[in-house]
Protein backbone atom coordinates (compact mmCIF):
# COMPACT_ATOMS: atom_id res chain seq x y z
CA MET A 1 27.95 -1.74 37.17
CA LYS A 2 29.24 1.13 35.01
CA ARG A 3 28.93 -1.10 31.95
CA LYS A 4 25.27 -1.81 32.81
CA ILE A 5 24.54 1.90 33.33
CA PHE A 6 26.13 2.69 29.96
CA PHE A 7 24.12 -0.05 28.25
CA PHE A 8 20.78 1.15 29.58
CA SER A 9 21.70 4.76 28.84
CA PHE A 10 22.43 3.73 25.26
CA ILE A 11 19.07 1.94 24.97
CA LEU A 12 17.27 5.00 26.34
CA PHE A 13 19.14 7.26 23.91
CA PHE A 14 18.25 4.95 21.01
CA ASN A 15 14.56 4.99 21.94
CA VAL A 16 14.53 8.78 22.19
CA ILE A 17 16.12 9.07 18.76
CA ALA A 18 13.73 6.50 17.25
CA SER A 19 10.71 8.26 18.75
CA ALA A 20 11.97 11.63 17.56
CA GLN A 21 11.88 10.37 13.97
CA ASN A 22 8.19 9.54 14.09
CA PRO A 23 5.79 12.05 12.58
CA GLY A 24 3.09 13.15 14.96
CA GLU A 25 -0.45 13.80 13.84
CA HIS A 26 1.01 15.45 10.75
CA TRP A 27 4.33 15.17 8.92
CA MET A 28 7.10 17.72 9.36
CA ARG A 29 9.30 18.66 6.42
CA PHE A 30 12.62 20.36 5.89
CA LYS A 31 11.99 24.04 5.16
CA THR A 32 13.81 23.52 1.88
CA PRO A 33 15.24 20.38 0.25
CA GLU A 34 18.61 22.13 0.24
CA GLN A 35 18.69 22.02 4.05
CA ALA A 36 18.43 18.22 3.81
CA GLY A 37 21.12 18.02 1.13
CA TRP A 38 19.00 17.87 -2.05
CA SER A 39 18.51 20.17 -5.03
CA SER A 40 14.98 21.60 -5.33
CA GLU A 41 15.49 22.31 -9.00
CA GLN A 42 16.62 18.78 -9.84
CA LEU A 43 13.87 17.16 -7.76
CA GLU A 44 11.23 19.27 -9.48
CA GLU A 45 12.53 18.39 -12.94
CA VAL A 46 12.74 14.67 -12.18
CA CYS A 47 9.22 14.50 -10.73
CA ARG A 48 7.63 16.69 -13.38
CA ASN A 49 8.83 14.34 -16.11
CA SER A 50 7.96 11.10 -14.28
CA ASN A 51 4.20 10.86 -14.99
CA ALA A 52 3.69 10.08 -11.28
CA ASN A 53 0.55 11.19 -9.47
CA SER A 54 2.45 11.80 -6.22
CA ILE A 55 5.93 11.35 -4.80
CA VAL A 56 7.20 11.65 -1.23
CA LEU A 57 10.91 11.68 -0.35
CA LEU A 58 11.92 11.23 3.31
CA TYR A 59 15.25 11.55 5.04
CA ASN A 60 15.84 10.81 8.73
CA GLY A 61 12.12 10.71 9.47
CA LYS A 62 11.32 14.10 7.89
CA ILE A 63 9.97 14.96 4.48
CA VAL A 64 12.48 16.39 2.05
CA TYR A 65 10.20 16.88 -0.93
CA THR A 66 6.67 16.15 -2.11
CA TYR A 67 5.18 16.19 -5.56
CA GLY A 68 1.55 16.00 -6.63
CA ASP A 69 -1.47 15.14 -4.50
CA TYR A 70 0.10 13.12 -1.70
CA CYS A 71 -3.26 12.99 0.16
CA ARG A 72 -5.09 11.23 -2.67
CA ARG A 73 -5.79 7.56 -2.06
CA ILE A 74 -4.51 5.50 -4.99
CA LYS A 75 -5.22 1.78 -5.42
CA CYS A 76 -2.07 -0.01 -4.34
CA HIS A 77 -2.14 -3.14 -6.52
CA SER A 78 0.64 -5.53 -5.41
CA ILE A 79 1.92 -3.26 -2.65
CA ARG A 80 -0.95 -4.92 -0.74
CA LYS A 81 1.26 -8.00 -0.30
CA SER A 82 3.81 -6.14 1.82
CA PHE A 83 0.96 -4.81 3.98
CA LEU A 84 -0.20 -8.37 4.62
CA GLY A 85 3.38 -9.45 5.29
CA ALA A 86 3.59 -6.90 8.11
CA LEU A 87 0.43 -8.35 9.66
CA TYR A 88 1.90 -11.84 9.45
CA GLY A 89 4.87 -10.71 11.54
CA ILE A 90 2.54 -9.36 14.23
CA TYR A 91 0.27 -12.41 14.37
CA ILE A 92 3.11 -14.95 14.16
CA ASP A 93 4.57 -13.23 17.21
CA LYS A 94 1.19 -13.65 18.94
CA GLY A 95 1.41 -17.40 18.28
CA MET A 96 -1.66 -17.38 16.04
CA ILE A 97 0.06 -18.40 12.79
CA ASP A 98 2.59 -21.22 12.38
CA THR A 99 4.86 -20.73 9.36
CA VAL A 100 5.71 -24.44 9.09
CA ALA A 101 2.05 -25.54 9.05
CA THR A 102 1.08 -27.20 5.78
CA ILE A 103 -1.84 -25.91 3.77
CA GLY A 104 -3.31 -29.39 4.01
CA SER A 105 -3.32 -29.20 7.81
CA LEU A 106 -4.98 -25.76 7.49
CA ASN A 107 -7.74 -27.24 5.33
CA ILE A 108 -6.95 -25.04 2.35
CA THR A 109 -8.94 -26.09 -0.70
CA ASP A 110 -9.81 -24.39 -3.98
CA THR A 111 -12.17 -24.55 -6.93
CA THR A 112 -9.65 -26.90 -8.53
CA PRO A 113 -8.94 -29.65 -5.96
CA LEU A 114 -5.37 -29.76 -4.62
CA THR A 115 -3.20 -32.84 -5.00
CA SER A 116 -1.63 -34.57 -2.00
CA HIS A 117 1.77 -33.14 -2.96
CA GLU A 118 0.37 -29.60 -3.22
CA LYS A 119 -1.13 -29.91 0.24
CA GLU A 120 2.42 -30.40 1.62
CA ALA A 121 3.33 -26.76 0.90
CA GLN A 122 3.96 -24.76 4.08
CA VAL A 123 2.96 -21.23 5.00
CA ILE A 124 6.61 -20.18 4.76
CA ASP A 125 6.67 -21.40 1.14
CA LEU A 126 3.79 -19.07 0.30
CA LEU A 127 5.52 -16.12 2.00
CA LYS A 128 8.54 -16.78 -0.23
CA ALA A 129 6.39 -17.33 -3.37
CA ARG A 130 7.67 -20.93 -3.49
CA SER A 131 4.52 -23.01 -2.97
CA GLY A 132 4.84 -24.99 -6.20
CA ILE A 133 1.06 -24.67 -6.64
CA TYR A 134 0.16 -23.29 -10.03
CA LEU A 135 -3.59 -22.74 -10.16
CA PRO A 136 -5.75 -19.85 -11.43
CA SER A 137 -5.92 -16.90 -9.04
CA GLY A 138 -7.52 -13.51 -8.66
CA GLN A 139 -5.88 -10.40 -10.16
CA GLU A 140 -3.52 -12.38 -12.39
CA THR A 141 -2.11 -10.33 -15.24
CA ILE A 142 -1.80 -11.70 -18.78
CA ASP A 143 1.98 -11.98 -18.30
CA MET A 144 1.47 -13.98 -15.08
CA LYS A 145 -0.81 -16.41 -16.86
CA LYS A 146 1.64 -16.82 -19.73
CA SER A 147 4.68 -17.39 -17.50
CA CYS A 148 2.98 -19.69 -14.97
CA PRO A 149 4.86 -23.02 -14.68
CA LYS A 150 3.13 -26.25 -15.55
CA ARG A 151 1.18 -27.69 -12.65
CA GLY A 152 3.24 -30.23 -10.67
CA SER A 153 6.52 -29.12 -12.28
CA HIS A 154 8.19 -28.01 -9.02
CA PRO A 155 7.96 -29.40 -5.45
CA HIS A 156 7.14 -26.87 -2.77
CA GLY A 157 10.04 -24.77 -1.51
CA THR A 158 12.28 -25.39 -4.54
CA PHE A 159 11.30 -22.78 -7.14
CA TRP A 160 10.47 -19.06 -6.99
CA TYR A 161 7.58 -17.82 -9.06
CA TYR A 162 5.69 -14.57 -8.44
CA ASN A 163 2.43 -16.34 -7.76
CA ASN A 164 -0.84 -14.60 -6.94
CA TRP A 165 -2.24 -17.93 -5.78
CA ASP A 166 0.31 -17.92 -2.95
CA PHE A 167 -0.41 -14.31 -2.04
CA ASN A 168 -4.20 -14.63 -2.05
CA VAL A 169 -4.17 -17.88 -0.08
CA LEU A 170 -2.02 -16.12 2.53
CA GLY A 171 -4.98 -13.75 2.91
CA THR A 172 -7.34 -16.66 3.51
CA ILE A 173 -4.98 -18.24 6.03
CA PHE A 174 -4.62 -14.94 7.88
CA ARG A 175 -8.37 -14.39 8.18
CA ARG A 176 -8.89 -17.92 9.51
CA ARG A 177 -5.99 -18.05 11.95
CA ALA A 178 -6.30 -14.48 13.22
CA SER A 179 -10.11 -14.65 13.24
CA LYS A 180 -10.06 -11.11 11.93
CA ASP A 181 -10.69 -9.24 8.71
CA ILE A 182 -7.43 -8.18 7.02
CA PHE A 183 -8.39 -4.52 6.79
CA GLU A 184 -9.66 -4.32 10.36
CA ALA A 185 -6.41 -5.91 11.52
CA PHE A 186 -4.37 -3.47 9.43
CA LYS A 187 -6.23 -0.47 10.83
CA GLU A 188 -5.99 -1.73 14.42
CA SER A 189 -2.38 -2.95 14.37
CA ILE A 190 -0.72 -0.58 11.89
CA ALA A 191 -2.76 2.36 10.58
CA ASP A 192 -4.02 3.56 13.96
CA PRO A 193 -0.71 3.25 15.89
CA LEU A 194 1.09 5.02 13.02
CA ARG A 195 -1.64 7.69 12.96
CA MET A 196 -2.21 7.36 9.24
CA GLU A 197 -4.08 10.45 8.12
CA ASP A 198 -6.11 9.15 5.18
CA PHE A 199 -6.66 5.39 5.54
CA ARG A 200 -10.23 4.21 6.25
CA LEU A 201 -11.73 0.73 6.50
CA MET A 202 -13.59 1.32 3.23
CA ASP A 203 -10.21 1.67 1.50
CA GLY A 204 -9.73 -2.08 1.75
CA VAL A 205 -12.00 -4.47 -0.15
CA TYR A 206 -11.93 -8.03 -1.47
CA ASP A 207 -11.84 -8.94 -5.15
CA PHE A 208 -13.70 -12.22 -5.59
CA ASP A 209 -13.09 -14.20 -8.78
CA THR A 210 -15.34 -17.11 -7.88
CA LEU A 211 -15.30 -18.61 -11.38
CA TYR A 212 -11.67 -19.70 -10.94
CA THR A 213 -10.80 -19.62 -7.25
CA SER A 214 -12.26 -19.43 -3.76
CA HIS A 215 -9.46 -17.13 -2.47
CA PRO A 216 -10.12 -13.41 -3.04
CA ALA A 217 -7.45 -10.77 -3.51
CA TYR A 218 -7.34 -8.19 -0.69
CA VAL A 219 -6.94 -4.77 -2.29
CA PHE A 220 -6.01 -1.45 -0.69
CA LYS A 221 -6.16 2.24 -1.50
CA MET A 222 -3.60 4.44 0.23
CA SER A 223 -2.20 7.95 0.00
CA ALA A 224 1.50 8.60 -0.53
CA ARG A 225 1.89 10.30 2.85
CA ASP A 226 0.37 7.27 4.64
CA ALA A 227 2.49 4.84 2.62
CA ALA A 228 5.50 6.86 3.79
CA ARG A 229 4.56 6.07 7.41
CA PHE A 230 4.49 2.37 6.55
CA GLY A 231 7.96 2.62 5.00
CA GLU A 232 9.23 4.56 8.01
CA LEU A 233 7.94 1.82 10.32
CA PHE A 234 10.12 -0.72 8.51
CA LEU A 235 13.09 1.65 8.43
CA GLN A 236 12.84 1.84 12.23
CA ASN A 237 12.81 -1.96 12.51
CA GLY A 238 9.15 -2.08 13.47
CA ARG A 239 9.26 0.51 16.29
CA TRP A 240 6.95 3.51 16.56
CA ASP A 241 6.67 5.98 19.43
CA GLY A 242 8.79 3.69 21.58
CA LYS A 243 6.59 0.64 20.96
CA GLN A 244 7.51 -2.46 18.96
CA ILE A 245 4.66 -2.67 16.43
CA ILE A 246 6.24 -5.42 14.29
CA PRO A 247 8.93 -7.71 15.75
CA GLN A 248 12.39 -6.60 14.62
CA ARG A 249 13.32 -10.18 13.77
CA TRP A 250 10.39 -10.33 11.34
CA ILE A 251 11.51 -7.11 9.66
CA GLU A 252 14.97 -8.60 9.22
CA GLN A 253 13.64 -11.91 7.89
CA SER A 254 11.13 -10.28 5.55
CA THR A 255 13.69 -8.02 3.94
CA ALA A 256 16.49 -10.61 3.69
CA SER A 257 17.07 -12.37 0.39
CA HIS A 258 15.44 -15.79 0.10
CA SER A 259 15.20 -16.10 -3.68
CA THR A 260 16.64 -14.81 -6.91
CA THR A 261 14.04 -13.51 -9.36
CA THR A 262 13.66 -13.25 -13.11
CA THR A 263 14.77 -9.60 -12.94
CA PRO A 264 18.59 -9.29 -12.93
CA GLY A 265 19.92 -7.86 -9.65
CA THR A 266 16.57 -8.19 -7.91
CA LEU A 267 15.92 -10.63 -5.07
CA TYR A 268 12.85 -11.59 -3.05
CA GLY A 269 12.21 -11.87 0.69
CA TYR A 270 8.87 -12.40 2.36
CA LEU A 271 6.55 -10.29 0.19
CA TRP A 272 9.27 -7.65 -0.34
CA TRP A 273 11.58 -7.07 -3.31
CA ILE A 274 15.29 -6.50 -2.60
CA LYS A 275 18.29 -4.93 -4.34
CA GLU A 276 21.49 -5.68 -2.44
CA ASP A 277 23.43 -3.16 -4.54
CA PHE A 278 21.39 -0.08 -5.31
CA ASN A 279 24.12 2.46 -6.01
CA GLY A 280 26.22 0.81 -3.31
CA MET A 281 23.32 0.57 -0.81
CA LYS A 282 20.80 -2.11 0.09
CA MET A 283 17.25 -1.17 -0.82
CA TYR A 284 14.08 -3.17 -0.28
CA TYR A 285 10.74 -2.16 -1.67
CA ALA A 286 7.05 -2.91 -2.07
CA SER A 287 6.04 -2.80 -5.72
CA GLY A 288 2.74 -2.25 -7.53
CA THR A 289 1.51 -2.06 -11.10
CA ASN A 290 2.88 0.61 -13.45
CA GLY A 291 5.70 1.78 -11.19
CA GLN A 292 4.18 2.16 -7.72
CA ARG A 293 6.83 1.90 -5.00
CA ILE A 294 7.52 2.12 -1.29
CA CYS A 295 11.33 2.06 -1.18
CA VAL A 296 13.36 1.75 2.03
CA ILE A 297 17.12 2.41 2.14
CA PRO A 298 18.13 1.73 5.77
CA SER A 299 21.81 2.74 5.60
CA SER A 300 20.90 6.23 4.33
CA GLU A 301 17.64 6.59 6.30
CA ILE A 302 15.79 7.34 3.07
CA ILE A 303 12.22 6.47 2.08
CA VAL A 304 10.75 7.04 -1.38
CA VAL A 305 7.06 6.61 -2.16
CA ALA A 306 5.84 6.86 -5.75
CA ASN A 307 2.15 6.65 -6.69
CA VAL A 308 0.66 6.63 -10.17
CA ASP A 309 -2.94 7.14 -11.28
CA THR A 310 -3.81 3.62 -12.39
CA TYR A 311 -7.50 4.54 -12.19
CA ARG A 312 -6.80 6.01 -15.63
CA GLY A 313 -4.16 3.47 -16.65
CA CYS A 314 -1.21 5.83 -16.18
CA SER A 315 2.32 4.52 -15.72
CA ILE A 316 5.54 5.99 -14.33
CA CYS A 317 7.90 6.36 -17.29
CA ASP A 318 10.94 4.55 -15.80
CA VAL A 319 10.56 3.95 -12.09
CA ASP A 320 14.09 2.58 -11.53
CA THR A 321 15.64 5.66 -13.10
CA LEU A 322 13.22 7.86 -11.15
CA ILE A 323 14.27 6.34 -7.81
CA THR A 324 17.96 6.67 -8.70
CA CYS A 325 17.50 10.33 -9.64
CA LEU A 326 15.57 11.09 -6.45
CA VAL A 327 17.98 9.33 -4.10
CA VAL A 328 21.35 9.88 -5.77
CA ALA A 329 21.43 12.28 -8.73
CA SER A 330 19.41 15.03 -7.02
CA ARG A 331 21.43 14.89 -3.82
CA THR A 332 24.04 17.58 -3.32
CA GLY A 333 25.57 16.64 0.04
CA ASP A 334 24.82 16.26 3.73
CA ALA A 335 22.05 18.01 5.64
CA ILE A 336 23.01 21.24 7.36
CA SER A 337 23.72 21.03 11.09
CA ASN A 338 20.60 22.86 12.27
CA PRO A 339 17.85 22.46 9.67
CA GLU A 340 14.48 24.17 10.06
CA PHE A 341 11.29 22.12 9.98
CA VAL A 342 7.77 23.21 9.07
CA PRO A 343 4.48 21.26 8.99
CA LEU A 344 3.55 19.55 5.76
CA LYS A 345 0.41 21.21 4.52
CA LYS A 346 -2.59 19.17 3.48
CA SER A 347 -3.52 19.73 -0.14
CA ALA A 348 -6.60 21.86 -0.68
CA GLY A 349 -9.77 19.81 -0.46
CA MET A 350 -12.85 19.96 -2.66
CA ARG A 351 -15.29 22.74 -1.77
CA THR A 352 -18.53 21.01 -0.75
CA ILE A 353 -22.05 21.97 0.24
CA GLU A 354 -24.25 20.66 3.05
CA LEU A 355 -27.07 18.27 2.23
CA SER A 356 -29.88 17.60 4.66
CA GLN A 357 -30.40 14.01 5.74
CA GLU A 358 -33.50 13.87 3.57
CA GLU A 359 -31.64 15.26 0.55
CA GLN A 360 -28.80 12.83 1.08
CA HIS A 361 -31.04 9.81 1.59
CA ARG A 362 -32.88 10.21 -1.70
CA TYR A 363 -29.71 9.30 -3.64
CA VAL A 364 -29.43 5.88 -1.98
CA GLY A 365 -30.07 3.06 -4.45
CA ARG A 366 -28.86 1.35 -7.64
CA TYR A 367 -28.34 3.14 -10.93
CA SER A 368 -27.23 2.13 -14.41
CA ILE A 369 -24.94 4.01 -16.76
CA ARG A 370 -24.77 1.96 -19.94
CA ASP A 371 -23.04 -1.28 -18.81
CA THR A 372 -22.04 0.08 -15.39
CA VAL A 373 -24.13 -0.44 -12.26
CA LEU A 374 -23.62 2.08 -9.46
CA THR A 375 -24.67 1.40 -5.88
CA ILE A 376 -24.97 4.38 -3.54
CA SER A 377 -25.24 3.73 0.19
CA GLU A 378 -25.49 5.97 3.22
CA THR A 379 -23.03 5.87 6.13
CA ALA A 380 -22.43 7.99 9.21
CA ASP A 381 -19.73 9.84 7.23
CA GLY A 382 -21.87 10.49 4.15
CA LEU A 383 -22.62 8.78 0.84
CA ILE A 384 -20.49 5.97 -0.61
CA VAL A 385 -20.58 4.81 -4.22
CA GLU A 386 -19.51 1.42 -5.55
CA GLY A 387 -19.20 0.56 -9.21
CA PRO A 388 -17.51 3.46 -11.04
CA HIS A 389 -14.19 1.60 -10.88
CA TYR A 390 -14.37 -2.16 -10.40
CA PHE A 391 -15.04 -3.19 -6.80
CA TYR A 392 -13.61 -0.15 -5.00
CA LYS A 393 -15.62 2.16 -2.74
CA PHE A 394 -15.48 5.96 -2.99
CA SER A 395 -16.87 8.82 -0.95
CA LEU A 396 -19.34 11.11 -2.71
CA LEU A 397 -18.71 14.77 -1.85
CA PRO A 398 -21.69 17.05 -2.64
CA ILE A 399 -20.61 20.04 -4.73
CA GLY A 400 -24.12 20.99 -5.89
CA LYS A 401 -27.72 19.94 -5.36
CA ASN A 402 -27.36 17.33 -8.08
CA ARG A 403 -23.56 17.08 -8.41
CA PHE A 404 -21.02 15.00 -6.50
CA PHE A 405 -17.25 14.75 -6.62
CA ILE A 406 -16.15 11.09 -6.53
CA GLU A 407 -13.22 11.24 -4.13
CA ASP A 408 -9.90 9.53 -5.03
CA ILE A 409 -11.00 8.64 -8.56
CA ASN A 410 -11.50 12.40 -9.10
CA LEU A 411 -14.56 12.31 -11.35
CA GLU A 412 -17.94 14.04 -11.16
CA LEU A 413 -21.29 12.28 -10.80
CA THR A 414 -24.37 14.27 -11.83
CA PHE A 415 -28.11 13.56 -11.80
CA ASP A 416 -31.30 14.90 -13.29
CA PHE A 417 -34.58 14.85 -11.36
CA ASP A 418 -37.87 13.39 -12.50
CA GLY A 419 -41.27 14.97 -11.86
CA SER A 420 -41.38 13.65 -8.30
CA GLY A 421 -37.90 14.94 -7.45
CA LYS A 422 -36.27 11.52 -7.63
CA PRO A 423 -32.66 11.44 -8.93
CA THR A 424 -32.39 9.94 -12.41
CA ASN A 425 -30.14 9.81 -15.47
CA PRO A 426 -26.74 9.61 -13.66
CA GLN A 427 -23.68 10.70 -15.63
CA ILE A 428 -19.98 10.38 -14.82
CA LYS A 429 -17.55 12.89 -16.30
CA LYS A 430 -14.41 14.86 -15.60
CA PRO A 431 -14.94 17.66 -13.06
CA THR A 432 -16.06 20.98 -14.48
CA GLY A 433 -12.94 22.81 -15.58
CA GLY A 434 -10.78 19.66 -15.02
């Protein structure tokens, strides 16, 4: 009986500790990085020279240090795959997705017809990037196209290749089996329970490349402080506020090594990258173009998020060195016994003006700027523009009677007016003084 009492006491204690790590509506941070065991001076120097847009460093569920605009939503590129992987864990646990089902049995087709052998690939093969199906796919880079194996060269399950066809088809399978949009499912099952502060449904859109494939890429925008919540969810083995959001077994399977990769010392799980020996620690991470990262180091209770402004083609100088400097080189010792915590402040927002419904409505429509077509629509939350950067959607914040700040992409959209007061001659430029 005593043993049972001890066991349940331990479980209760564990749940209290796990819940205590969760940020509430807003993040809390150590009053100074030094109280957490880091050097402010070294962190500042490392981040300033990194070319990152924003960086968030967490320890034990609290923020140690932030750099840049951690509220700005940056397009996530391939980090999207780890987001989908989390949803797979939830919906597999619901019995809605079978990982051993073949894509043939799921009626997966494509613009290029699949062979009978290709149809034998299983869902689990796609999660491991081992489908053996080498067909054109959306959001393939030039390097991906060059390194793609010859079609039919490897049976399913036998060869790892970082394959956007696998990742995009996983999106199609999810939508069919879950009977739910990926972004709605993410908001309902992950963003809302984690109380993400910046994520909106409009921050997820599909990239259709119908010339080559019938399976769109599912692309996300996300702020660094929200990405940190996602990393913290995995660090806590899928638990949040005492609830199991993602099954712990799925967290363990996803972040276990299933394949070696073409990068020395780097392994691959289910839509996560893995380093078994990162300065003597295991680290797994979601990775995006030009150095974007969500890094999780369970043994040290450390999360690192690094965002870079790929709207303008920027790149983090050397992301591996950056992560090492943040986690190891800038650390001076253990946290003090009674650290002080203060709320993380939201970065200053753009100063806007009020537009009447009539004033707002007159901007709705399609506009051309040289070869770019802009579409402005009206929602309950204000005006949305599509077109200034590929297929993404951005809020338009009024900063003058004929001037708007394009949120996230951080550009200014201006108009002239014709004789009847209709907006005309749109122009996109850097913000005044920026």
